[in-house]
N, C-alpha and C. Protein backbone atom coordinates (compact mmCIF):
# COMPACT_ATOMS: atom_id res chain seq x y z
N MET A 1 -38.27 -13.82 -41.08
CA MET A 1 -37.00 -14.45 -40.75
C MET A 1 -36.67 -15.48 -41.84
N SER A 2 -35.45 -15.45 -42.32
CA SER A 2 -35.06 -16.37 -43.39
C SER A 2 -34.62 -17.71 -42.79
N THR A 3 -34.77 -18.74 -43.59
CA THR A 3 -34.34 -20.06 -43.15
C THR A 3 -32.96 -20.35 -43.72
N ILE A 4 -32.21 -21.12 -42.98
CA ILE A 4 -30.87 -21.50 -43.40
C ILE A 4 -30.96 -22.89 -44.02
N GLU A 5 -30.45 -23.02 -45.22
CA GLU A 5 -30.44 -24.30 -45.92
C GLU A 5 -29.13 -25.02 -45.63
N LEU A 6 -29.21 -26.14 -44.96
CA LEU A 6 -28.03 -26.95 -44.68
C LEU A 6 -27.86 -27.99 -45.78
N ASP A 7 -26.61 -28.24 -46.18
CA ASP A 7 -26.32 -29.26 -47.17
C ASP A 7 -26.05 -30.58 -46.45
N VAL A 8 -26.69 -31.64 -46.90
CA VAL A 8 -26.49 -32.96 -46.33
C VAL A 8 -25.81 -33.83 -47.38
N HIS A 9 -24.72 -34.46 -46.97
CA HIS A 9 -23.96 -35.31 -47.88
C HIS A 9 -23.81 -36.69 -47.23
N VAL A 10 -24.16 -37.72 -48.00
CA VAL A 10 -24.05 -39.11 -47.52
C VAL A 10 -22.98 -39.80 -48.35
N ARG A 11 -22.06 -40.46 -47.66
CA ARG A 11 -21.07 -41.25 -48.40
C ARG A 11 -20.89 -42.61 -47.73
N THR A 12 -20.43 -43.54 -48.53
CA THR A 12 -20.17 -44.90 -48.09
C THR A 12 -18.69 -45.17 -48.27
N GLU A 13 -18.07 -45.73 -47.25
CA GLU A 13 -16.65 -46.07 -47.32
C GLU A 13 -16.47 -47.52 -46.89
N PRO A 14 -15.48 -48.21 -47.47
CA PRO A 14 -15.22 -49.59 -47.05
C PRO A 14 -14.75 -49.63 -45.60
N ASP A 15 -15.23 -50.61 -44.86
CA ASP A 15 -14.76 -50.85 -43.49
C ASP A 15 -13.61 -51.83 -43.60
N ASP A 16 -12.39 -51.32 -43.49
CA ASP A 16 -11.21 -52.14 -43.73
C ASP A 16 -10.91 -53.15 -42.63
N CYS A 17 -11.47 -52.96 -41.46
CA CYS A 17 -11.23 -53.90 -40.34
C CYS A 17 -12.55 -54.28 -39.68
N PRO A 18 -13.43 -54.94 -40.43
CA PRO A 18 -14.72 -55.27 -39.82
C PRO A 18 -14.59 -56.37 -38.77
N ASP A 19 -15.45 -56.31 -37.79
CA ASP A 19 -15.51 -57.37 -36.77
C ASP A 19 -16.53 -58.40 -37.23
N LEU A 20 -16.05 -59.52 -37.69
CA LEU A 20 -16.93 -60.60 -38.13
C LEU A 20 -16.92 -61.77 -37.15
N SER A 21 -16.47 -61.50 -35.93
CA SER A 21 -16.37 -62.57 -34.94
C SER A 21 -17.74 -63.19 -34.62
N TRP A 22 -18.80 -62.43 -34.83
CA TRP A 22 -20.14 -62.97 -34.59
C TRP A 22 -20.46 -64.10 -35.57
N LEU A 23 -19.81 -64.09 -36.74
CA LEU A 23 -20.00 -65.19 -37.69
C LEU A 23 -19.18 -66.40 -37.30
N GLY A 24 -17.93 -66.17 -36.94
CA GLY A 24 -17.03 -67.26 -36.60
C GLY A 24 -15.62 -66.91 -36.97
N GLU A 25 -14.76 -67.92 -36.97
CA GLU A 25 -13.36 -67.67 -37.33
C GLU A 25 -12.80 -68.88 -38.07
N PHE A 26 -11.86 -68.58 -38.95
CA PHE A 26 -11.13 -69.62 -39.65
C PHE A 26 -9.92 -69.98 -38.80
N ARG A 27 -9.61 -71.27 -38.77
CA ARG A 27 -8.52 -71.72 -37.91
C ARG A 27 -7.84 -72.95 -38.51
N ASP A 28 -6.66 -73.23 -38.01
CA ASP A 28 -5.90 -74.39 -38.47
C ASP A 28 -6.15 -75.63 -37.61
N ASP A 29 -6.56 -75.42 -36.37
CA ASP A 29 -6.75 -76.56 -35.47
C ASP A 29 -8.24 -76.85 -35.30
N TRP A 30 -8.55 -78.12 -35.21
CA TRP A 30 -9.93 -78.55 -35.03
C TRP A 30 -10.33 -78.40 -33.57
N ARG A 31 -11.56 -77.99 -33.36
CA ARG A 31 -12.18 -77.94 -32.03
C ARG A 31 -13.59 -78.49 -32.19
N PRO A 32 -14.19 -78.92 -31.10
CA PRO A 32 -15.58 -79.37 -31.21
C PRO A 32 -16.45 -78.26 -31.80
N GLY A 33 -17.29 -78.64 -32.74
CA GLY A 33 -18.18 -77.68 -33.39
C GLY A 33 -17.62 -77.10 -34.67
N CYS A 34 -16.34 -77.36 -34.97
CA CYS A 34 -15.73 -76.83 -36.19
C CYS A 34 -16.30 -77.52 -37.43
N ILE A 35 -16.28 -76.79 -38.52
CA ILE A 35 -16.64 -77.35 -39.82
C ILE A 35 -15.35 -77.53 -40.59
N ASP A 36 -15.17 -78.72 -41.13
CA ASP A 36 -13.98 -79.03 -41.94
C ASP A 36 -14.20 -78.43 -43.33
N ARG A 37 -13.34 -77.52 -43.71
CA ARG A 37 -13.44 -76.84 -44.99
C ARG A 37 -12.68 -77.59 -46.08
N LYS A 38 -12.49 -78.88 -45.92
CA LYS A 38 -11.67 -79.66 -46.85
C LYS A 38 -11.93 -79.30 -48.31
N PRO A 39 -13.19 -79.12 -48.72
CA PRO A 39 -13.40 -78.75 -50.13
C PRO A 39 -12.76 -77.40 -50.48
N TYR A 40 -12.57 -76.53 -49.51
CA TYR A 40 -12.02 -75.20 -49.76
C TYR A 40 -10.52 -75.15 -49.54
N TRP A 41 -9.99 -76.16 -48.86
CA TRP A 41 -8.62 -76.11 -48.38
C TRP A 41 -7.67 -76.69 -49.39
N SER A 42 -6.64 -75.93 -49.71
CA SER A 42 -5.62 -76.44 -50.64
C SER A 42 -4.33 -75.69 -50.42
N GLN A 43 -3.26 -76.43 -50.24
CA GLN A 43 -1.96 -75.78 -50.09
C GLN A 43 -1.49 -75.22 -51.42
N ASP A 44 -2.09 -75.66 -52.51
CA ASP A 44 -1.68 -75.21 -53.83
C ASP A 44 -2.60 -74.14 -54.40
N ALA A 45 -3.45 -73.56 -53.58
CA ALA A 45 -4.43 -72.61 -54.06
C ALA A 45 -3.83 -71.25 -54.41
N GLY A 46 -2.55 -71.06 -54.17
CA GLY A 46 -1.94 -69.78 -54.44
C GLY A 46 -1.98 -68.85 -53.25
N ARG A 47 -2.72 -69.24 -52.25
CA ARG A 47 -2.75 -68.49 -50.99
C ARG A 47 -3.10 -69.48 -49.89
N TYR A 48 -2.73 -69.12 -48.70
CA TYR A 48 -2.98 -70.03 -47.58
C TYR A 48 -4.40 -69.86 -47.08
N GLU A 49 -5.08 -70.95 -46.87
CA GLU A 49 -6.41 -70.93 -46.28
C GLU A 49 -6.45 -71.90 -45.11
N CYS A 50 -7.10 -71.48 -44.06
CA CYS A 50 -7.25 -72.35 -42.89
C CYS A 50 -8.18 -73.52 -43.24
N ARG A 51 -7.95 -74.61 -42.60
CA ARG A 51 -8.71 -75.83 -42.91
C ARG A 51 -10.08 -75.85 -42.23
N TYR A 52 -10.20 -75.23 -41.04
CA TYR A 52 -11.43 -75.34 -40.26
C TYR A 52 -12.08 -73.98 -40.07
N TRP A 53 -13.38 -74.04 -39.82
CA TRP A 53 -14.14 -72.84 -39.47
C TRP A 53 -14.87 -73.14 -38.18
N SER A 54 -14.75 -72.22 -37.24
CA SER A 54 -15.38 -72.37 -35.93
C SER A 54 -16.47 -71.30 -35.79
N PRO A 55 -17.70 -71.69 -35.48
CA PRO A 55 -18.79 -70.72 -35.42
C PRO A 55 -18.65 -69.72 -34.27
N GLY A 56 -19.10 -68.50 -34.53
CA GLY A 56 -19.11 -67.47 -33.49
C GLY A 56 -20.10 -67.81 -32.38
N HIS A 57 -21.22 -68.37 -32.77
CA HIS A 57 -22.21 -68.88 -31.82
C HIS A 57 -22.34 -70.37 -32.09
N PRO A 58 -21.89 -71.19 -31.16
CA PRO A 58 -21.90 -72.63 -31.42
C PRO A 58 -23.31 -73.19 -31.52
N TYR A 59 -23.37 -74.37 -32.06
CA TYR A 59 -24.63 -75.10 -32.21
C TYR A 59 -25.43 -75.10 -30.92
N THR A 60 -24.77 -75.36 -29.78
CA THR A 60 -25.49 -75.45 -28.50
C THR A 60 -26.16 -74.13 -28.13
N HIS A 61 -25.54 -73.02 -28.48
CA HIS A 61 -26.13 -71.69 -28.22
C HIS A 61 -27.48 -71.58 -28.94
N HIS A 62 -27.49 -71.93 -30.23
CA HIS A 62 -28.72 -71.85 -31.02
C HIS A 62 -29.75 -72.88 -30.55
N ARG A 63 -29.28 -74.11 -30.32
CA ARG A 63 -30.20 -75.18 -29.91
C ARG A 63 -30.91 -74.81 -28.60
N ASP A 64 -30.12 -74.33 -27.63
CA ASP A 64 -30.71 -73.97 -26.34
C ASP A 64 -31.69 -72.82 -26.48
N TRP A 65 -31.42 -71.88 -27.37
CA TRP A 65 -32.34 -70.76 -27.59
C TRP A 65 -33.67 -71.29 -28.12
N TYR A 66 -33.60 -72.16 -29.11
CA TYR A 66 -34.84 -72.73 -29.67
C TYR A 66 -35.59 -73.56 -28.65
N LYS A 67 -34.90 -74.32 -27.83
CA LYS A 67 -35.57 -75.12 -26.80
C LYS A 67 -36.27 -74.21 -25.79
N ARG A 68 -35.59 -73.13 -25.39
CA ARG A 68 -36.21 -72.18 -24.44
C ARG A 68 -37.46 -71.53 -25.02
N HIS A 69 -37.53 -71.45 -26.33
CA HIS A 69 -38.67 -70.80 -26.97
C HIS A 69 -39.71 -71.80 -27.48
N GLY A 70 -39.70 -73.01 -26.89
CA GLY A 70 -40.78 -73.95 -27.10
C GLY A 70 -40.66 -74.89 -28.28
N TYR A 71 -39.54 -74.91 -28.95
CA TYR A 71 -39.38 -75.83 -30.07
C TYR A 71 -39.08 -77.24 -29.55
N SER A 72 -39.53 -78.23 -30.29
CA SER A 72 -39.25 -79.61 -29.90
C SER A 72 -37.75 -79.86 -30.00
N LYS A 73 -37.31 -80.95 -29.41
CA LYS A 73 -35.89 -81.29 -29.43
C LYS A 73 -35.40 -81.44 -30.88
N HIS A 74 -36.18 -82.14 -31.70
CA HIS A 74 -35.80 -82.34 -33.10
C HIS A 74 -35.76 -81.02 -33.87
N GLU A 75 -36.81 -80.22 -33.69
CA GLU A 75 -36.87 -78.93 -34.40
C GLU A 75 -35.76 -77.99 -33.94
N ALA A 76 -35.46 -77.98 -32.65
CA ALA A 76 -34.37 -77.15 -32.13
C ALA A 76 -33.03 -77.58 -32.74
N HIS A 77 -32.83 -78.89 -32.83
CA HIS A 77 -31.61 -79.42 -33.44
C HIS A 77 -31.50 -79.00 -34.91
N THR A 78 -32.57 -79.18 -35.65
CA THR A 78 -32.57 -78.87 -37.08
C THR A 78 -32.31 -77.39 -37.32
N ARG A 79 -33.00 -76.54 -36.57
CA ARG A 79 -32.83 -75.09 -36.75
C ARG A 79 -31.45 -74.62 -36.30
N ALA A 80 -30.94 -75.17 -35.21
CA ALA A 80 -29.61 -74.78 -34.72
C ALA A 80 -28.54 -75.14 -35.74
N ARG A 81 -28.65 -76.33 -36.30
CA ARG A 81 -27.69 -76.75 -37.33
C ARG A 81 -27.77 -75.82 -38.54
N ALA A 82 -28.97 -75.46 -38.93
CA ALA A 82 -29.15 -74.55 -40.07
C ALA A 82 -28.53 -73.18 -39.80
N CYS A 83 -28.65 -72.70 -38.56
CA CYS A 83 -28.05 -71.41 -38.19
C CYS A 83 -26.53 -71.44 -38.34
N VAL A 84 -25.92 -72.50 -37.84
CA VAL A 84 -24.46 -72.62 -37.92
C VAL A 84 -24.03 -72.71 -39.38
N LEU A 85 -24.71 -73.50 -40.18
CA LEU A 85 -24.36 -73.63 -41.59
C LEU A 85 -24.57 -72.32 -42.35
N GLN A 86 -25.61 -71.59 -41.99
CA GLN A 86 -25.87 -70.29 -42.62
C GLN A 86 -24.74 -69.31 -42.30
N ASP A 87 -24.29 -69.28 -41.04
CA ASP A 87 -23.18 -68.40 -40.67
C ASP A 87 -21.91 -68.80 -41.43
N HIS A 88 -21.68 -70.10 -41.56
CA HIS A 88 -20.50 -70.57 -42.29
C HIS A 88 -20.56 -70.12 -43.75
N ARG A 89 -21.71 -70.32 -44.40
CA ARG A 89 -21.85 -69.90 -45.80
C ARG A 89 -21.67 -68.39 -45.93
N ARG A 90 -22.22 -67.66 -44.98
CA ARG A 90 -22.11 -66.19 -45.02
C ARG A 90 -20.66 -65.76 -44.92
N HIS A 91 -19.89 -66.40 -44.05
CA HIS A 91 -18.48 -66.06 -43.88
C HIS A 91 -17.69 -66.43 -45.13
N GLU A 92 -17.96 -67.59 -45.71
CA GLU A 92 -17.29 -67.99 -46.96
C GLU A 92 -17.64 -67.00 -48.08
N ASP A 93 -18.90 -66.57 -48.14
CA ASP A 93 -19.31 -65.58 -49.16
C ASP A 93 -18.55 -64.27 -48.99
N TYR A 94 -18.33 -63.87 -47.74
CA TYR A 94 -17.56 -62.65 -47.47
C TYR A 94 -16.13 -62.81 -48.01
N CYS A 95 -15.54 -63.95 -47.74
CA CYS A 95 -14.16 -64.19 -48.18
C CYS A 95 -14.05 -64.21 -49.70
N ARG A 96 -15.10 -64.62 -50.39
CA ARG A 96 -15.10 -64.63 -51.85
C ARG A 96 -15.39 -63.26 -52.43
N GLY A 97 -15.77 -62.31 -51.58
CA GLY A 97 -16.08 -60.96 -52.06
C GLY A 97 -17.52 -60.79 -52.52
N ASP A 98 -18.39 -61.72 -52.14
CA ASP A 98 -19.80 -61.61 -52.52
C ASP A 98 -20.51 -60.48 -51.78
N TRP A 99 -19.99 -60.12 -50.63
CA TRP A 99 -20.48 -58.96 -49.88
C TRP A 99 -19.31 -58.42 -49.09
N TRP A 100 -19.45 -57.24 -48.55
CA TRP A 100 -18.38 -56.59 -47.80
C TRP A 100 -19.01 -55.74 -46.70
N VAL A 101 -18.19 -55.08 -45.93
CA VAL A 101 -18.67 -54.28 -44.81
C VAL A 101 -18.28 -52.82 -45.07
N VAL A 102 -19.22 -51.92 -44.79
CA VAL A 102 -19.01 -50.50 -45.08
C VAL A 102 -19.36 -49.64 -43.86
N GLY A 103 -18.96 -48.39 -43.98
CA GLY A 103 -19.39 -47.37 -43.04
C GLY A 103 -20.24 -46.36 -43.78
N LEU A 104 -21.29 -45.89 -43.15
CA LEU A 104 -22.12 -44.82 -43.71
C LEU A 104 -21.80 -43.55 -42.94
N ILE A 105 -21.48 -42.47 -43.67
CA ILE A 105 -21.12 -41.21 -43.05
C ILE A 105 -22.04 -40.12 -43.59
N VAL A 106 -22.69 -39.40 -42.71
CA VAL A 106 -23.54 -38.28 -43.10
C VAL A 106 -22.93 -37.01 -42.55
N SER A 107 -22.69 -36.05 -43.45
CA SER A 107 -22.13 -34.75 -43.06
C SER A 107 -23.13 -33.66 -43.36
N VAL A 108 -23.22 -32.70 -42.47
CA VAL A 108 -24.09 -31.55 -42.67
C VAL A 108 -23.22 -30.31 -42.68
N SER A 109 -23.39 -29.49 -43.72
CA SER A 109 -22.55 -28.30 -43.84
C SER A 109 -23.36 -27.10 -44.28
N LEU A 110 -22.74 -25.95 -44.15
CA LEU A 110 -23.31 -24.68 -44.58
C LEU A 110 -22.22 -23.94 -45.34
N ASP A 111 -22.49 -23.64 -46.60
CA ASP A 111 -21.50 -22.95 -47.45
C ASP A 111 -20.14 -23.62 -47.42
N GLY A 112 -20.12 -24.96 -47.44
CA GLY A 112 -18.87 -25.70 -47.48
C GLY A 112 -18.18 -25.90 -46.14
N HIS A 113 -18.77 -25.40 -45.05
CA HIS A 113 -18.20 -25.57 -43.71
C HIS A 113 -18.97 -26.67 -42.98
N LYS A 114 -18.26 -27.73 -42.65
CA LYS A 114 -18.90 -28.85 -41.98
C LYS A 114 -19.28 -28.45 -40.56
N LEU A 115 -20.56 -28.67 -40.23
CA LEU A 115 -21.06 -28.31 -38.90
C LEU A 115 -21.44 -29.53 -38.07
N GLY A 116 -21.70 -30.65 -38.73
CA GLY A 116 -22.11 -31.85 -38.01
C GLY A 116 -21.83 -33.09 -38.83
N GLN A 117 -21.60 -34.17 -38.13
CA GLN A 117 -21.33 -35.44 -38.81
C GLN A 117 -21.75 -36.59 -37.91
N ALA A 118 -22.26 -37.65 -38.50
CA ALA A 118 -22.60 -38.87 -37.78
C ALA A 118 -22.27 -40.05 -38.69
N SER A 119 -21.87 -41.15 -38.09
CA SER A 119 -21.53 -42.32 -38.90
C SER A 119 -21.85 -43.60 -38.16
N ILE A 120 -21.93 -44.65 -38.94
CA ILE A 120 -22.08 -46.00 -38.39
C ILE A 120 -21.24 -46.92 -39.26
N TRP A 121 -20.55 -47.83 -38.62
CA TRP A 121 -19.66 -48.76 -39.32
C TRP A 121 -20.12 -50.18 -39.06
N GLY A 122 -19.65 -51.10 -39.88
CA GLY A 122 -20.03 -52.50 -39.73
C GLY A 122 -21.34 -52.83 -40.43
N VAL A 123 -21.72 -52.02 -41.43
CA VAL A 123 -22.95 -52.25 -42.17
C VAL A 123 -22.66 -53.21 -43.32
N GLU A 124 -23.44 -54.25 -43.44
CA GLU A 124 -23.24 -55.21 -44.52
C GLU A 124 -23.70 -54.61 -45.84
N SER A 125 -22.88 -54.76 -46.87
CA SER A 125 -23.14 -54.13 -48.16
C SER A 125 -24.46 -54.56 -48.79
N ASP A 126 -24.93 -55.74 -48.45
CA ASP A 126 -26.18 -56.25 -49.02
C ASP A 126 -27.33 -56.18 -48.02
N CYS A 127 -27.28 -55.19 -47.14
CA CYS A 127 -28.27 -55.09 -46.06
C CYS A 127 -29.67 -54.74 -46.57
N GLY A 128 -29.77 -54.24 -47.77
CA GLY A 128 -31.08 -53.87 -48.32
C GLY A 128 -31.29 -52.37 -48.27
N GLU A 129 -31.95 -51.87 -49.29
CA GLU A 129 -32.14 -50.43 -49.44
C GLU A 129 -32.99 -49.83 -48.30
N GLU A 130 -34.01 -50.54 -47.88
CA GLU A 130 -34.90 -50.03 -46.83
C GLU A 130 -34.13 -49.84 -45.52
N TYR A 131 -33.34 -50.84 -45.14
CA TYR A 131 -32.55 -50.74 -43.91
C TYR A 131 -31.50 -49.62 -44.02
N ARG A 132 -30.84 -49.54 -45.17
CA ARG A 132 -29.85 -48.48 -45.39
C ARG A 132 -30.51 -47.10 -45.27
N ASP A 133 -31.69 -46.95 -45.86
CA ASP A 133 -32.40 -45.67 -45.78
C ASP A 133 -32.75 -45.31 -44.34
N GLU A 134 -33.12 -46.32 -43.55
CA GLU A 134 -33.40 -46.09 -42.12
C GLU A 134 -32.16 -45.58 -41.39
N LEU A 135 -31.03 -46.24 -41.67
CA LEU A 135 -29.78 -45.83 -41.04
C LEU A 135 -29.42 -44.40 -41.44
N VAL A 136 -29.54 -44.09 -42.73
CA VAL A 136 -29.21 -42.74 -43.21
C VAL A 136 -30.14 -41.71 -42.57
N ALA A 137 -31.41 -42.03 -42.44
CA ALA A 137 -32.35 -41.09 -41.80
C ALA A 137 -31.95 -40.81 -40.35
N ASP A 138 -31.59 -41.86 -39.61
CA ASP A 138 -31.16 -41.69 -38.21
C ASP A 138 -29.87 -40.87 -38.14
N LEU A 139 -28.92 -41.18 -39.02
CA LEU A 139 -27.65 -40.44 -39.03
C LEU A 139 -27.86 -38.99 -39.42
N THR A 140 -28.75 -38.75 -40.37
CA THR A 140 -29.05 -37.38 -40.79
C THR A 140 -29.64 -36.58 -39.64
N ALA A 141 -30.53 -37.20 -38.88
CA ALA A 141 -31.11 -36.51 -37.71
C ALA A 141 -30.02 -36.17 -36.70
N ASP A 142 -29.10 -37.11 -36.43
CA ASP A 142 -28.02 -36.86 -35.47
C ASP A 142 -27.07 -35.78 -35.97
N ALA A 143 -26.68 -35.84 -37.24
CA ALA A 143 -25.75 -34.86 -37.80
C ALA A 143 -26.39 -33.47 -37.87
N THR A 144 -27.68 -33.43 -38.18
CA THR A 144 -28.39 -32.15 -38.24
C THR A 144 -28.51 -31.53 -36.84
N ALA A 145 -28.78 -32.34 -35.84
CA ALA A 145 -28.85 -31.83 -34.47
C ALA A 145 -27.50 -31.26 -34.05
N GLU A 146 -26.41 -31.96 -34.41
CA GLU A 146 -25.07 -31.47 -34.10
C GLU A 146 -24.80 -30.15 -34.84
N ALA A 147 -25.24 -30.06 -36.09
CA ALA A 147 -25.05 -28.84 -36.87
C ALA A 147 -25.84 -27.67 -36.28
N ARG A 148 -27.06 -27.91 -35.86
CA ARG A 148 -27.89 -26.85 -35.25
C ARG A 148 -27.25 -26.33 -33.97
N LYS A 149 -26.69 -27.25 -33.18
CA LYS A 149 -26.01 -26.83 -31.95
C LYS A 149 -24.78 -26.00 -32.29
N ALA A 150 -24.03 -26.44 -33.30
CA ALA A 150 -22.84 -25.69 -33.72
C ALA A 150 -23.24 -24.29 -34.20
N LEU A 151 -24.32 -24.19 -34.97
CA LEU A 151 -24.79 -22.89 -35.44
C LEU A 151 -25.24 -22.01 -34.27
N ALA A 152 -25.94 -22.59 -33.31
CA ALA A 152 -26.37 -21.82 -32.13
C ALA A 152 -25.18 -21.31 -31.36
N ASP A 153 -24.13 -22.12 -31.23
CA ASP A 153 -22.91 -21.70 -30.54
C ASP A 153 -22.22 -20.57 -31.29
N ILE A 154 -22.19 -20.68 -32.62
CA ILE A 154 -21.58 -19.62 -33.45
C ILE A 154 -22.35 -18.32 -33.31
N LEU A 155 -23.66 -18.41 -33.40
CA LEU A 155 -24.48 -17.20 -33.29
C LEU A 155 -24.37 -16.56 -31.91
N ALA A 156 -24.28 -17.40 -30.89
CA ALA A 156 -24.10 -16.87 -29.52
C ALA A 156 -22.74 -16.18 -29.41
N ALA A 157 -21.72 -16.77 -30.01
CA ALA A 157 -20.38 -16.16 -29.97
C ALA A 157 -20.36 -14.86 -30.73
N VAL A 158 -21.04 -14.81 -31.88
CA VAL A 158 -21.10 -13.56 -32.67
C VAL A 158 -21.87 -12.50 -31.90
N GLY A 159 -22.93 -12.91 -31.23
CA GLY A 159 -23.72 -11.96 -30.43
C GLY A 159 -22.95 -11.40 -29.25
N ALA A 160 -21.95 -12.13 -28.80
CA ALA A 160 -21.14 -11.68 -27.65
C ALA A 160 -20.02 -10.75 -28.07
N LEU A 161 -19.81 -10.60 -29.41
CA LEU A 161 -18.76 -9.70 -29.87
C LEU A 161 -19.13 -8.25 -29.55
N PRO A 162 -18.11 -7.43 -29.27
CA PRO A 162 -18.41 -6.02 -28.98
C PRO A 162 -18.87 -5.26 -30.20
């Protein structure tokens, strides 16, 4: 019995509408927990930028997590503050174009006919090669399973022909 060679194609596409709400949001009005972006804010910058940044997970969320996991009050405070500042820097880096969000798409075909596809979106461009390879391996398994089912359905349909 001969084996069928399936073609696997992996492509990366920009995610034009990524959900970055987990990082936070830029805003014009101050709220408790906001970071004043005064160094970044300028009406003369050639484009409008919001003055404040509000974290997606506030300081208290991080602080309480660290306290629940046995950190001292001081250590919980220090780590929670670092988490919020890290999210702020990450969001500013995104806005500067230092990283972006993509979708990974894996297609499986036979003789140019697509039989299966799997994708994941919201992947950070700088996620690391090892993590990307893991995602591609999982997507390839899903797309291949879909392709095998499609081939089985085709073969069953051909077998049912008179």
